[in-house]
C-alpha cells in the first residue's frame, strides 16, 4: 500500500522531537547539536517538513537565505525507514521550486554522501574552491 506525503513550510506542524532526535543523534553533520540550537536554527530559517498523510513527520530541511541573492540548504534528512522511496528528491524539488526562493544568484550546501541527489538540481563542485573560506568554531 502506498503512503501519501505532503510538504509544508508551516513551522507549527514541525515535530521538533523528530528533528532533534535525527539531527543530534543520527546525522553525521549535527551530532550533539543541542535542542535549543536546533529550535533557534529552525526559527531563523525557511523550514520544510515532509509528512505522511496522517501528519507524521518523516523528513526535514531548512534554507538559510536573504530571499534576494543567496541561500544555503541545510539539515536535509529523511527518516531511515522512508529512505530510498524518492522522498529526498521530492523534498529538494519542493525547496528549489518554492516561490520565495526563485531568482537567487547562488545556492550552497555541504554533503558527504548525497552528491548525486543534489547534482540532479544543478549543484556542482565549487568552481573556484580557492575563493571560499570558512570559520569553524
Protein backbone atom coordinates (compact mmCIF):
# COMPACT_ATOMS: atom_id res chain seq x y z
CA UNK A 1 0.00 0.00 0.00
CA UNK A 2 1.38 3.40 -1.00
CA UNK A 3 1.55 6.17 1.55
CA UNK A 4 0.73 9.73 0.53
CA UNK A 5 3.08 12.51 1.62
CA UNK A 6 2.93 16.27 1.72
CA UNK A 7 5.43 19.07 2.31
CA UNK A 8 4.76 22.15 4.40
CA UNK A 9 6.65 25.27 5.45
CA UNK A 10 4.24 25.81 8.36
CA UNK A 11 6.57 25.69 11.37
CA UNK A 12 3.67 24.91 13.71
CA UNK A 13 3.40 21.47 12.03
CA UNK A 14 7.04 20.55 12.69
CA UNK A 15 7.74 17.77 15.18
CA UNK A 16 10.74 19.21 17.00
CA UNK A 17 11.29 15.90 18.82
CA UNK A 18 11.73 14.06 15.50
CA UNK A 19 14.03 16.77 14.14
CA UNK A 20 16.12 16.94 17.31
CA UNK A 21 16.42 13.15 17.58
CA UNK A 22 17.58 12.80 13.99
CA UNK A 23 19.93 15.75 13.82
CA UNK A 24 21.60 15.40 17.21
CA UNK A 25 21.75 11.61 17.43
CA UNK A 26 21.68 10.17 13.90
CA UNK A 27 23.18 12.70 11.48
CA UNK A 28 26.91 12.98 10.87
CA UNK A 29 26.79 16.76 10.43
CA UNK A 30 24.84 17.83 13.52
CA UNK A 31 25.75 15.16 16.04
CA UNK A 32 25.44 16.54 19.54
CA UNK A 33 23.68 19.74 18.48
CA UNK A 34 21.53 20.95 21.36
CA UNK A 35 17.77 21.20 21.20
CA UNK A 36 18.00 24.94 21.90
CA UNK A 37 20.31 25.45 18.92
CA UNK A 38 18.08 23.31 16.68
CA UNK A 39 14.99 25.28 17.68
CA UNK A 40 16.77 28.60 17.10
CA UNK A 41 18.05 27.44 13.70
CA UNK A 42 14.52 26.49 12.64
CA UNK A 43 13.11 29.78 13.91
CA UNK A 44 15.59 31.71 11.76
CA UNK A 45 15.25 29.67 8.58
CA UNK A 46 12.68 28.74 5.97
CA UNK A 47 11.85 25.23 7.20
CA UNK A 48 10.34 22.41 5.16
CA UNK A 49 8.68 19.42 6.78
CA UNK A 50 7.82 16.23 4.91
CA UNK A 51 4.81 14.45 6.39
CA UNK A 52 2.70 11.36 5.87
CA UNK A 53 -0.99 11.91 5.12
CA UNK A 54 -1.70 11.31 8.82
CA UNK A 55 0.74 14.16 9.70
CA UNK A 56 3.70 12.09 10.93
CA UNK A 57 6.92 13.93 10.16
CA UNK A 58 9.34 11.79 8.15
CA UNK A 59 11.65 14.39 6.63
CA UNK A 60 13.03 17.87 7.10
CA UNK A 61 15.20 20.53 5.50
CA UNK A 62 15.83 24.19 6.05
CA UNK A 63 17.05 27.06 3.93
CA UNK A 64 19.06 29.94 5.32
CA UNK A 65 18.54 32.86 2.95
CA UNK A 66 18.18 36.58 2.40
CA UNK A 67 15.43 35.77 -0.18
CA UNK A 68 17.18 38.01 -2.72
CA UNK A 69 20.69 36.79 -3.55
CA UNK A 70 21.84 33.74 -1.58
CA UNK A 71 20.54 30.55 0.02
CA UNK A 72 22.20 27.73 1.93
CA UNK A 73 20.45 24.37 2.05
CA UNK A 74 20.94 22.62 5.39
CA UNK A 75 19.86 19.79 7.67
CA UNK A 76 18.19 17.75 4.93
CA UNK A 77 17.07 14.32 6.08
CA UNK A 78 14.53 11.58 5.53
CA UNK A 79 13.95 9.11 8.37
CA UNK A 80 15.70 5.82 7.62
CA UNK A 81 12.55 3.74 7.19
CA UNK A 82 11.35 6.16 4.47
CA UNK A 83 14.63 6.44 2.55
CA UNK A 84 15.06 5.08 -0.99
CA UNK A 85 11.50 6.00 -1.97
CA UNK A 86 12.28 9.23 -3.83
CA UNK A 87 11.26 11.41 -0.89
CA UNK A 88 14.59 13.22 -0.67
CA UNK A 89 14.23 14.19 -4.32
CA UNK A 90 10.63 15.27 -3.70
CA UNK A 91 11.70 17.41 -0.74
CA UNK A 92 14.57 19.10 -2.60
CA UNK A 93 12.30 19.67 -5.61
CA UNK A 94 9.79 21.46 -3.37
CA UNK A 95 12.57 23.62 -1.97
CA UNK A 96 14.09 24.51 -5.33
CA UNK A 97 10.70 25.47 -6.79
CA UNK A 98 9.39 27.34 -3.72
CA UNK A 99 8.05 30.70 -4.87
CA UNK A 100 10.04 32.72 -2.32
CA UNK A 101 13.34 31.20 -3.48
CA UNK A 102 13.20 31.98 -7.18
CA UNK A 103 15.76 34.25 -8.81
CA UNK A 104 18.52 33.71 -6.25
CA UNK A 105 22.01 34.10 -7.71
CA UNK A 106 23.78 31.49 -5.58
CA UNK A 107 22.90 28.39 -3.59
CA UNK A 108 25.25 26.50 -1.32
CA UNK A 109 25.25 23.27 0.63
CA UNK A 110 27.62 20.76 2.14
CA UNK A 111 27.25 16.99 1.84
CA UNK A 112 29.40 13.97 2.45
CA UNK A 113 27.28 11.40 0.66
CA UNK A 114 24.39 12.87 -1.36
CA UNK A 115 26.17 14.45 -4.32
CA UNK A 116 24.09 12.54 -6.86
CA UNK A 117 20.83 13.84 -5.39
CA UNK A 118 21.91 17.49 -5.49
CA UNK A 119 23.51 17.22 -8.93
CA UNK A 120 20.01 16.48 -10.29
CA UNK A 121 19.10 20.02 -9.26
CA UNK A 122 22.15 21.69 -10.79
CA UNK A 123 24.52 21.72 -7.81
CA UNK A 124 28.18 21.22 -8.74
CA UNK A 125 31.55 21.10 -7.05
CA UNK A 126 32.88 24.59 -6.32
CA UNK A 127 34.25 26.17 -9.50
CA UNK A 128 36.83 28.12 -7.51
CA UNK A 129 37.26 26.49 -4.12
CA UNK A 130 40.29 28.69 -3.56
CA UNK A 131 37.88 31.65 -3.31
CA UNK A 132 35.93 30.08 -0.44
CA UNK A 133 36.80 30.49 3.21
CA UNK A 134 35.28 29.26 6.42
CA UNK A 135 35.49 29.79 10.14
CA UNK A 136 34.58 26.71 12.15
CA UNK A 137 34.07 27.01 15.88
